[in-house]
Amino acid sequence: MNSSDLYIYRRNLPHWRLAGASYFVTWRLYPGRPVLGFEERTKVMQALQHFDGRRYELSAYVVMDDHVHAVVQPFDGQDLM
């Protein structure tokens, strides 16, 4: 790896991108929102699985009542956004 392979930018928190890297991604519901029910968690799982093998390799994920964790490796030319 050389420094030109690493892209660093900032929004609320610093973000680092490196081609070919795997990422541990977490997101949560807005505070004060009701938790996700079974059907909503199922839809989130289906959405994660939808692009597995097309835009990214999905190594692992867990969908909780109020947050999600995923380990993904985006394919070349694909952003995490």
PDB file of N, CA and C in Angstrom:
ATOM      1  N   MET A   1       0.845  -1.184   0.000  1.00  0.00           N
ATOM      2  CA  MET A   1       0.000   0.000   0.000  1.00  0.00           C
ATOM      3  C   MET A   1       0.883   1.237   0.000  1.00  0.00           C
ATOM      4  N   ASN A   2       0.533   2.195  -0.827  1.00  0.00           N
ATOM      5  CA  ASN A   2       1.194   3.485  -0.751  1.00  0.00           C
ATOM      6  C   ASN A   2       0.154   4.536  -0.383  1.00  0.00           C
ATOM      7  N   SER A   3       0.608   5.719  -0.048  1.00  0.00           N
ATOM      8  CA  SER A   3      -0.296   6.751   0.473  1.00  0.00           C
ATOM      9  C   SER A   3      -1.356   7.170  -0.539  1.00  0.00           C
ATOM     10  N   SER A   4      -1.133   6.958  -1.831  1.00  0.00           N
ATOM     11  CA  SER A   4      -2.131   7.343  -2.822  1.00  0.00           C
ATOM     12  C   SER A   4      -3.319   6.376  -2.836  1.00  0.00           C
ATOM     13  N   ASP A   5      -3.189   5.193  -2.209  1.00  0.00           N
ATOM     14  CA  ASP A   5      -4.280   4.224  -2.143  1.00  0.00           C
ATOM     15  C   ASP A   5      -5.281   4.547  -1.045  1.00  0.00           C
ATOM     16  N   LEU A   6      -4.886   5.378  -0.097  1.00  0.00           N
ATOM     17  CA  LEU A   6      -5.720   5.696   1.053  1.00  0.00           C
ATOM     18  C   LEU A   6      -6.411   7.034   0.845  1.00  0.00           C
ATOM     19  N   TYR A   7      -7.742   7.044   1.009  1.00  0.00           N
ATOM     20  CA  TYR A   7      -8.535   8.258   0.873  1.00  0.00           C
ATOM     21  C   TYR A   7      -9.169   8.549   2.222  1.00  0.00           C
ATOM     22  N   ILE A   8      -8.883   9.726   2.792  1.00  0.00           N
ATOM     23  CA  ILE A   8      -9.405  10.115   4.106  1.00  0.00           C
ATOM     24  C   ILE A   8     -10.274  11.357   3.925  1.00  0.00           C
ATOM     25  N   TYR A   9     -11.465  11.325   4.490  1.00  0.00           N
ATOM     26  CA  TYR A   9     -12.325  12.502   4.463  1.00  0.00           C
ATOM     27  C   TYR A   9     -13.080  12.573   5.779  1.00  0.00           C
ATOM     28  N   ARG A  10     -13.772  13.665   5.995  1.00  0.00           N
ATOM     29  CA  ARG A  10     -14.437  13.872   7.276  1.00  0.00           C
ATOM     30  C   ARG A  10     -15.859  14.380   7.051  1.00  0.00           C
ATOM     31  N   ARG A  11     -16.776  13.782   7.796  1.00  0.00           N
ATOM     32  CA  ARG A  11     -18.136  14.306   7.937  1.00  0.00           C
ATOM     33  C   ARG A  11     -18.275  14.570   9.427  1.00  0.00           C
ATOM     34  N   ASN A  12     -19.155  13.879  10.118  1.00  0.00           N
ATOM     35  CA  ASN A  12     -19.222  14.017  11.574  1.00  0.00           C
ATOM     36  C   ASN A  12     -18.042  13.316  12.231  1.00  0.00           C
ATOM     37  N   LEU A  13     -17.602  12.218  11.627  1.00  0.00           N
ATOM     38  CA  LEU A  13     -16.457  11.457  12.102  1.00  0.00           C
ATOM     39  C   LEU A  13     -15.489  11.266  10.938  1.00  0.00           C
ATOM     40  N   PRO A  14     -14.235  10.990  11.230  1.00  0.00           N
ATOM     41  CA  PRO A  14     -13.314  10.720  10.112  1.00  0.00           C
ATOM     42  C   PRO A  14     -13.663   9.402   9.436  1.00  0.00           C
ATOM     43  N   HIS A  15     -13.487   9.353   8.124  1.00  0.00           N
ATOM     44  CA  HIS A  15     -13.726   8.163   7.326  1.00  0.00           C
ATOM     45  C   HIS A  15     -12.467   7.857   6.530  1.00  0.00           C
ATOM     46  N   TRP A  16     -12.103   6.603   6.480  1.00  0.00           N
ATOM     47  CA  TRP A  16     -10.934   6.170   5.712  1.00  0.00           C
ATOM     48  C   TRP A  16     -11.391   5.139   4.700  1.00  0.00           C
ATOM     49  N   ARG A  17     -10.887   5.246   3.485  1.00  0.00           N
ATOM     50  CA  ARG A  17     -11.193   4.260   2.451  1.00  0.00           C
ATOM     51  C   ARG A  17      -9.895   3.743   1.863  1.00  0.00           C
ATOM     52  N   LEU A  18      -9.868   2.439   1.654  1.00  0.00           N
ATOM     53  CA  LEU A  18      -8.701   1.786   1.075  1.00  0.00           C
ATOM     54  C   LEU A  18      -9.199   0.704   0.135  1.00  0.00           C
ATOM     55  N   ALA A  19      -8.782   0.769  -1.131  1.00  0.00           N
ATOM     56  CA  ALA A  19      -9.215  -0.211  -2.127  1.00  0.00           C
ATOM     57  C   ALA A  19      -8.877  -1.624  -1.648  1.00  0.00           C
ATOM     58  N   GLY A  20      -9.839  -2.536  -1.776  1.00  0.00           N
ATOM     59  CA  GLY A  20      -9.630  -3.929  -1.396  1.00  0.00           C
ATOM     60  C   GLY A  20      -9.804  -4.231   0.079  1.00  0.00           C
ATOM     61  N   ALA A  21     -10.094  -3.213   0.878  1.00  0.00           N
ATOM     62  CA  ALA A  21     -10.224  -3.408   2.327  1.00  0.00           C
ATOM     63  C   ALA A  21     -11.625  -3.896   2.685  1.00  0.00           C
ATOM     64  N   SER A  22     -11.729  -4.577   3.804  1.00  0.00           N
ATOM     65  CA  SER A  22     -13.015  -4.924   4.391  1.00  0.00           C
ATOM     66  C   SER A  22     -13.337  -3.889   5.460  1.00  0.00           C
ATOM     67  N   TYR A  23     -14.627  -3.619   5.638  1.00  0.00           N
ATOM     68  CA  TYR A  23     -15.054  -2.588   6.575  1.00  0.00           C
ATOM     69  C   TYR A  23     -16.067  -3.147   7.564  1.00  0.00           C
ATOM     70  N   PHE A  24     -15.920  -2.748   8.814  1.00  0.00           N
ATOM     71  CA  PHE A  24     -16.909  -3.028   9.843  1.00  0.00           C
ATOM     72  C   PHE A  24     -17.785  -1.787   9.923  1.00  0.00           C
ATOM     73  N   VAL A  25     -19.049  -1.922   9.541  1.00  0.00           N
ATOM     74  CA  VAL A  25     -19.954  -0.784   9.427  1.00  0.00           C
ATOM     75  C   VAL A  25     -21.061  -0.937  10.471  1.00  0.00           C
ATOM     76  N   THR A  26     -21.381   0.161  11.148  1.00  0.00           N
ATOM     77  CA  THR A  26     -22.455   0.169  12.139  1.00  0.00           C
ATOM     78  C   THR A  26     -23.358   1.365  11.873  1.00  0.00           C
ATOM     79  N   TRP A  27     -24.646   1.152  11.964  1.00  0.00           N
ATOM     80  CA  TRP A  27     -25.568   2.277  11.958  1.00  0.00           C
ATOM     81  C   TRP A  27     -26.707   1.961  12.904  1.00  0.00           C
ATOM     82  N   ARG A  28     -27.376   3.028  13.348  1.00  0.00           N
ATOM     83  CA  ARG A  28     -28.434   2.849  14.346  1.00  0.00           C
ATOM     84  C   ARG A  28     -29.613   3.741  14.018  1.00  0.00           C
ATOM     85  N   LEU A  29     -30.722   3.445  14.681  1.00  0.00           N
ATOM     86  CA  LEU A  29     -31.903   4.274  14.538  1.00  0.00           C
ATOM     87  C   LEU A  29     -31.671   5.620  15.211  1.00  0.00           C
ATOM     88  N   TYR A  30     -32.389   6.604  14.759  1.00  0.00           N
ATOM     89  CA  TYR A  30     -32.347   7.909  15.396  1.00  0.00           C
ATOM     90  C   TYR A  30     -32.830   7.753  16.840  1.00  0.00           C
ATOM     91  N   PRO A  31     -32.146   8.383  17.798  1.00  0.00           N
ATOM     92  CA  PRO A  31     -32.569   8.251  19.203  1.00  0.00           C
ATOM     93  C   PRO A  31     -34.041   8.620  19.393  1.00  0.00           C
ATOM     94  N   GLY A  32     -34.713   7.840  20.200  1.00  0.00           N
ATOM     95  CA  GLY A  32     -36.120   8.094  20.483  1.00  0.00           C
ATOM     96  C   GLY A  32     -37.080   7.395  19.528  1.00  0.00           C
ATOM     97  N   ARG A  33     -36.561   6.792  18.451  1.00  0.00           N
ATOM     98  CA  ARG A  33     -37.424   6.059  17.511  1.00  0.00           C
ATOM     99  C   ARG A  33     -37.808   4.718  18.119  1.00  0.00           C
ATOM    100  N   PRO A  34     -38.970   4.193  17.754  1.00  0.00           N
ATOM    101  CA  PRO A  34     -39.315   2.848  18.227  1.00  0.00           C
ATOM    102  C   PRO A  34     -38.350   1.819  17.632  1.00  0.00           C
ATOM    103  N   VAL A  35     -38.142   0.746  18.343  1.00  0.00           N
ATOM    104  CA  VAL A  35     -37.218  -0.284  17.859  1.00  0.00           C
ATOM    105  C   VAL A  35     -37.810  -1.000  16.649  1.00  0.00           C
ATOM    106  N   LEU A  36     -36.932  -1.667  15.902  1.00  0.00           N
ATOM    107  CA  LEU A  36     -37.362  -2.411  14.726  1.00  0.00           C
ATOM    108  C   LEU A  36     -38.080  -3.697  15.146  1.00  0.00           C
ATOM    109  N   GLY A  37     -39.168  -3.966  14.484  1.00  0.00           N
ATOM    110  CA  GLY A  37     -39.883  -5.214  14.718  1.00  0.00           C
ATOM    111  C   GLY A  37     -39.306  -6.322  13.852  1.00  0.00           C
ATOM    112  N   PHE A  38     -39.869  -7.523  13.992  1.00  0.00           N
ATOM    113  CA  PHE A  38     -39.369  -8.676  13.249  1.00  0.00           C
ATOM    114  C   PHE A  38     -39.412  -8.435  11.743  1.00  0.00           C
ATOM    115  N   GLU A  39     -40.529  -7.922  11.221  1.00  0.00           N
ATOM    116  CA  GLU A  39     -40.651  -7.696   9.778  1.00  0.00           C
ATOM    117  C   GLU A  39     -39.653  -6.652   9.290  1.00  0.00           C
ATOM    118  N   GLU A  40     -39.443  -5.602  10.056  1.00  0.00           N
ATOM    119  CA  GLU A  40     -38.484  -4.566   9.663  1.00  0.00           C
ATOM    120  C   GLU A  40     -37.055  -5.098   9.677  1.00  0.00           C
ATOM    121  N   ARG A  41     -36.716  -5.880  10.693  1.00  0.00           N
ATOM    122  CA  ARG A  41     -35.373  -6.491  10.733  1.00  0.00           C
ATOM    123  C   ARG A  41     -35.174  -7.432   9.552  1.00  0.00           C
ATOM    124  N   THR A  42     -36.217  -8.158   9.179  1.00  0.00           N
ATOM    125  CA  THR A  42     -36.147  -9.048   8.025  1.00  0.00           C
ATOM    126  C   THR A  42     -35.890  -8.258   6.749  1.00  0.00           C
ATOM    127  N   LYS A  43     -36.550  -7.122   6.584  1.00  0.00           N
ATOM    128  CA  LYS A  43     -36.337  -6.279   5.395  1.00  0.00           C
ATOM    129  C   LYS A  43     -34.921  -5.737   5.347  1.00  0.00           C
ATOM    130  N   VAL A  44     -34.371  -5.353   6.491  1.00  0.00           N
ATOM    131  CA  VAL A  44     -32.982  -4.889   6.535  1.00  0.00           C
ATOM    132  C   VAL A  44     -32.044  -6.017   6.108  1.00  0.00           C
ATOM    133  N   MET A  45     -32.275  -7.233   6.606  1.00  0.00           N
ATOM    134  CA  MET A  45     -31.443  -8.378   6.212  1.00  0.00           C
ATOM    135  C   MET A  45     -31.545  -8.635   4.713  1.00  0.00           C
ATOM    136  N   GLN A  46     -32.743  -8.562   4.165  1.00  0.00           N
ATOM    137  CA  GLN A  46     -32.929  -8.766   2.732  1.00  0.00           C
ATOM    138  C   GLN A  46     -32.208  -7.689   1.922  1.00  0.00           C
ATOM    139  N   ALA A  47     -32.245  -6.458   2.408  1.00  0.00           N
ATOM    140  CA  ALA A  47     -31.550  -5.373   1.711  1.00  0.00           C
ATOM    141  C   ALA A  47     -30.035  -5.588   1.724  1.00  0.00           C
ATOM    142  N   LEU A  48     -29.497  -6.018   2.851  1.00  0.00           N
ATOM    143  CA  LEU A  48     -28.065  -6.308   2.930  1.00  0.00           C
ATOM    144  C   LEU A  48     -27.685  -7.440   1.981  1.00  0.00           C
ATOM    145  N   GLN A  49     -28.496  -8.479   1.936  1.00  0.00           N
ATOM    146  CA  GLN A  49     -28.207  -9.636   1.092  1.00  0.00           C
ATOM    147  C   GLN A  49     -28.411  -9.342  -0.390  1.00  0.00           C
ATOM    148  N   HIS A  50     -29.243  -8.367  -0.718  1.00  0.00           N
ATOM    149  CA  HIS A  50     -29.570  -8.060  -2.113  1.00  0.00           C
ATOM    150  C   HIS A  50     -28.329  -7.742  -2.953  1.00  0.00           C
ATOM    151  N   PHE A  51     -27.409  -6.957  -2.414  1.00  0.00           N
ATOM    152  CA  PHE A  51     -26.229  -6.556  -3.184  1.00  0.00           C
ATOM    153  C   PHE A  51     -24.994  -7.396  -2.878  1.00  0.00           C
ATOM    154  N   ASP A  52     -25.151  -8.418  -2.027  1.00  0.00           N
ATOM    155  CA  ASP A  52     -24.043  -9.335  -1.755  1.00  0.00           C
ATOM    156  C   ASP A  52     -23.690 -10.056  -3.060  1.00  0.00           C
ATOM    157  N   GLY A  53     -22.440  -9.963  -3.459  1.00  0.00           N
ATOM    158  CA  GLY A  53     -21.996 -10.583  -4.701  1.00  0.00           C
ATOM    159  C   GLY A  53     -22.146  -9.696  -5.919  1.00  0.00           C
ATOM    160  N   ARG A  54     -22.829  -8.559  -5.773  1.00  0.00           N
ATOM    161  CA  ARG A  54     -22.994  -7.611  -6.878  1.00  0.00           C
ATOM    162  C   ARG A  54     -22.192  -6.329  -6.645  1.00  0.00           C
ATOM    163  N   ARG A  55     -22.371  -5.740  -5.469  1.00  0.00           N
ATOM    164  CA  ARG A  55     -21.655  -4.502  -5.127  1.00  0.00           C
ATOM    165  C   ARG A  55     -20.590  -4.719  -4.062  1.00  0.00           C
ATOM    166  N   TYR A  56     -20.768  -5.761  -3.273  1.00  0.00           N
ATOM    167  CA  TYR A  56     -19.836  -6.046  -2.179  1.00  0.00           C
ATOM    168  C   TYR A  56     -19.913  -7.511  -1.796  1.00  0.00           C
ATOM    169  N   GLU A  57     -18.890  -7.926  -1.053  1.00  0.00           N
ATOM    170  CA  GLU A  57     -18.922  -9.238  -0.416  1.00  0.00           C
ATOM    171  C   GLU A  57     -19.352  -9.015   1.023  1.00  0.00           C
ATOM    172  N   LEU A  58     -20.437  -9.629   1.411  1.00  0.00           N
ATOM    173  CA  LEU A  58     -20.972  -9.504   2.759  1.00  0.00           C
ATOM    174  C   LEU A  58     -20.446 -10.665   3.580  1.00  0.00           C
ATOM    175  N   SER A  59     -19.519 -10.380   4.471  1.00  0.00           N
ATOM    176  CA  SER A  59     -18.897 -11.442   5.266  1.00  0.00           C
ATOM    177  C   SER A  59     -19.729 -11.826   6.481  1.00  0.00           C
ATOM    178  N   ALA A  60     -20.339 -10.839   7.122  1.00  0.00           N
ATOM    179  CA  ALA A  60     -21.133 -11.098   8.322  1.00  0.00           C
ATOM    180  C   ALA A  60     -22.025  -9.894   8.595  1.00  0.00           C
ATOM    181  N   TYR A  61     -23.124 -10.142   9.289  1.00  0.00           N
ATOM    182  CA  TYR A  61     -23.989  -9.040   9.713  1.00  0.00           C
ATOM    183  C   TYR A  61     -24.855  -9.488  10.867  1.00  0.00           C
ATOM    184  N   VAL A  62     -25.349  -8.518  11.611  1.00  0.00           N
ATOM    185  CA  VAL A  62     -26.338  -8.768  12.655  1.00  0.00           C
ATOM    186  C   VAL A  62     -27.265  -7.554  12.683  1.00  0.00           C
ATOM    187  N   VAL A  63     -28.553  -7.828  12.719  1.00  0.00           N
ATOM    188  CA  VAL A  63     -29.558  -6.762  12.775  1.00  0.00           C
ATOM    189  C   VAL A  63     -30.217  -6.845  14.147  1.00  0.00           C
ATOM    190  N   MET A  64     -30.009  -5.824  14.942  1.00  0.00           N
ATOM    191  CA  MET A  64     -30.552  -5.762  16.297  1.00  0.00           C
ATOM    192  C   MET A  64     -31.818  -4.889  16.294  1.00  0.00           C
ATOM    193  N   ASP A  65     -32.417  -4.714  17.452  1.00  0.00           N
ATOM    194  CA  ASP A  65     -33.648  -3.919  17.547  1.00  0.00           C
ATOM    195  C   ASP A  65     -33.453  -2.457  17.163  1.00  0.00           C
ATOM    196  N   ASP A  66     -32.273  -1.907  17.439  1.00  0.00           N
ATOM    197  CA  ASP A  66     -32.067  -0.483  17.177  1.00  0.00           C
ATOM    198  C   ASP A  66     -30.765  -0.166  16.448  1.00  0.00           C
ATOM    199  N   HIS A  67     -30.026  -1.193  15.999  1.00  0.00           N
ATOM    200  CA  HIS A  67     -28.799  -0.938  15.255  1.00  0.00           C
ATOM    201  C   HIS A  67     -28.405  -2.160  14.425  1.00  0.00           C
ATOM    202  N   VAL A  68     -27.476  -1.926  13.494  1.00  0.00           N
ATOM    203  CA  VAL A  68     -27.019  -2.972  12.579  1.00  0.00           C
ATOM    204  C   VAL A  68     -25.498  -2.946  12.534  1.00  0.00           C
ATOM    205  N   HIS A  69     -24.878  -4.115  12.479  1.00  0.00           N
ATOM    206  CA  HIS A  69     -23.444  -4.257  12.247  1.00  0.00           C
ATOM    207  C   HIS A  69     -23.271  -5.103  10.986  1.00  0.00           C
ATOM    208  N   ALA A  70     -22.290  -4.750  10.157  1.00  0.00           N
ATOM    209  CA  ALA A  70     -22.002  -5.541   8.963  1.00  0.00           C
ATOM    210  C   ALA A  70     -20.511  -5.468   8.662  1.00  0.00           C
ATOM    211  N   VAL A  71     -19.978  -6.553   8.109  1.00  0.00           N
ATOM    212  CA  VAL A  71     -18.603  -6.589   7.610  1.00  0.00           C
ATOM    213  C   VAL A  71     -18.706  -6.790   6.110  1.00  0.00           C
ATOM    214  N   VAL A  72     -18.248  -5.799   5.353  1.00  0.00           N
ATOM    215  CA  VAL A  72     -18.371  -5.836   3.896  1.00  0.00           C
ATOM    216  C   VAL A  72     -17.045  -5.473   3.232  1.00  0.00           C
ATOM    217  N   GLN A  73     -16.852  -6.010   2.028  1.00  0.00           N
ATOM    218  CA  GLN A  73     -15.723  -5.613   1.195  1.00  0.00           C
ATOM    219  C   GLN A  73     -16.302  -5.139  -0.132  1.00  0.00           C
ATOM    220  N   PRO A  74     -16.321  -3.816  -0.362  1.00  0.00           N
ATOM    221  CA  PRO A  74     -16.877  -3.297  -1.611  1.00  0.00           C
ATOM    222  C   PRO A  74     -16.035  -3.750  -2.805  1.00  0.00           C
ATOM    223  N   PHE A  75     -16.713  -4.021  -3.913  1.00  0.00           N
ATOM    224  CA  PHE A  75     -15.993  -4.345  -5.142  1.00  0.00           C
ATOM    225  C   PHE A  75     -15.433  -3.067  -5.748  1.00  0.00           C
ATOM    226  N   ASP A  76     -14.445  -3.208  -6.626  1.00  0.00           N
ATOM    227  CA  ASP A  76     -13.833  -2.043  -7.274  1.00  0.00           C
ATOM    228  C   ASP A  76     -14.908  -1.154  -7.896  1.00  0.00           C
ATOM    229  N   GLY A  77     -14.784   0.137  -7.657  1.00  0.00           N
ATOM    230  CA  GLY A  77     -15.706   1.114  -8.214  1.00  0.00           C
ATOM    231  C   GLY A  77     -16.975   1.293  -7.409  1.00  0.00           C
ATOM    232  N   GLN A  78     -17.142   0.579  -6.305  1.00  0.00           N
ATOM    233  CA  GLN A  78     -18.347   0.700  -5.474  1.00  0.00           C
ATOM    234  C   GLN A  78     -18.006   1.454  -4.191  1.00  0.00           C
ATOM    235  N   ASP A  79     -18.863   2.402  -3.834  1.00  0.00           N
ATOM    236  CA  ASP A  79     -18.709   3.158  -2.583  1.00  0.00           C
ATOM    237  C   ASP A  79     -19.590   2.537  -1.509  1.00  0.00           C
ATOM    238  N   LEU A  80     -19.269   2.839  -0.267  1.00  0.00           N
ATOM    239  CA  LEU A  80     -20.094   2.381   0.850  1.00  0.00           C
ATOM    240  C   LEU A  80     -21.320   3.277   1.058  1.00  0.00           C
ATOM    241  N   MET A  81     -21.356   4.441   0.474  1.00  0.00           N
ATOM    242  CA  MET A  81     -22.454   5.376   0.700  1.00  0.00           C
ATOM    243  C   MET A  81     -23.747   4.845   0.143  1.00  0.00           C
TER     244      MET A  81
END
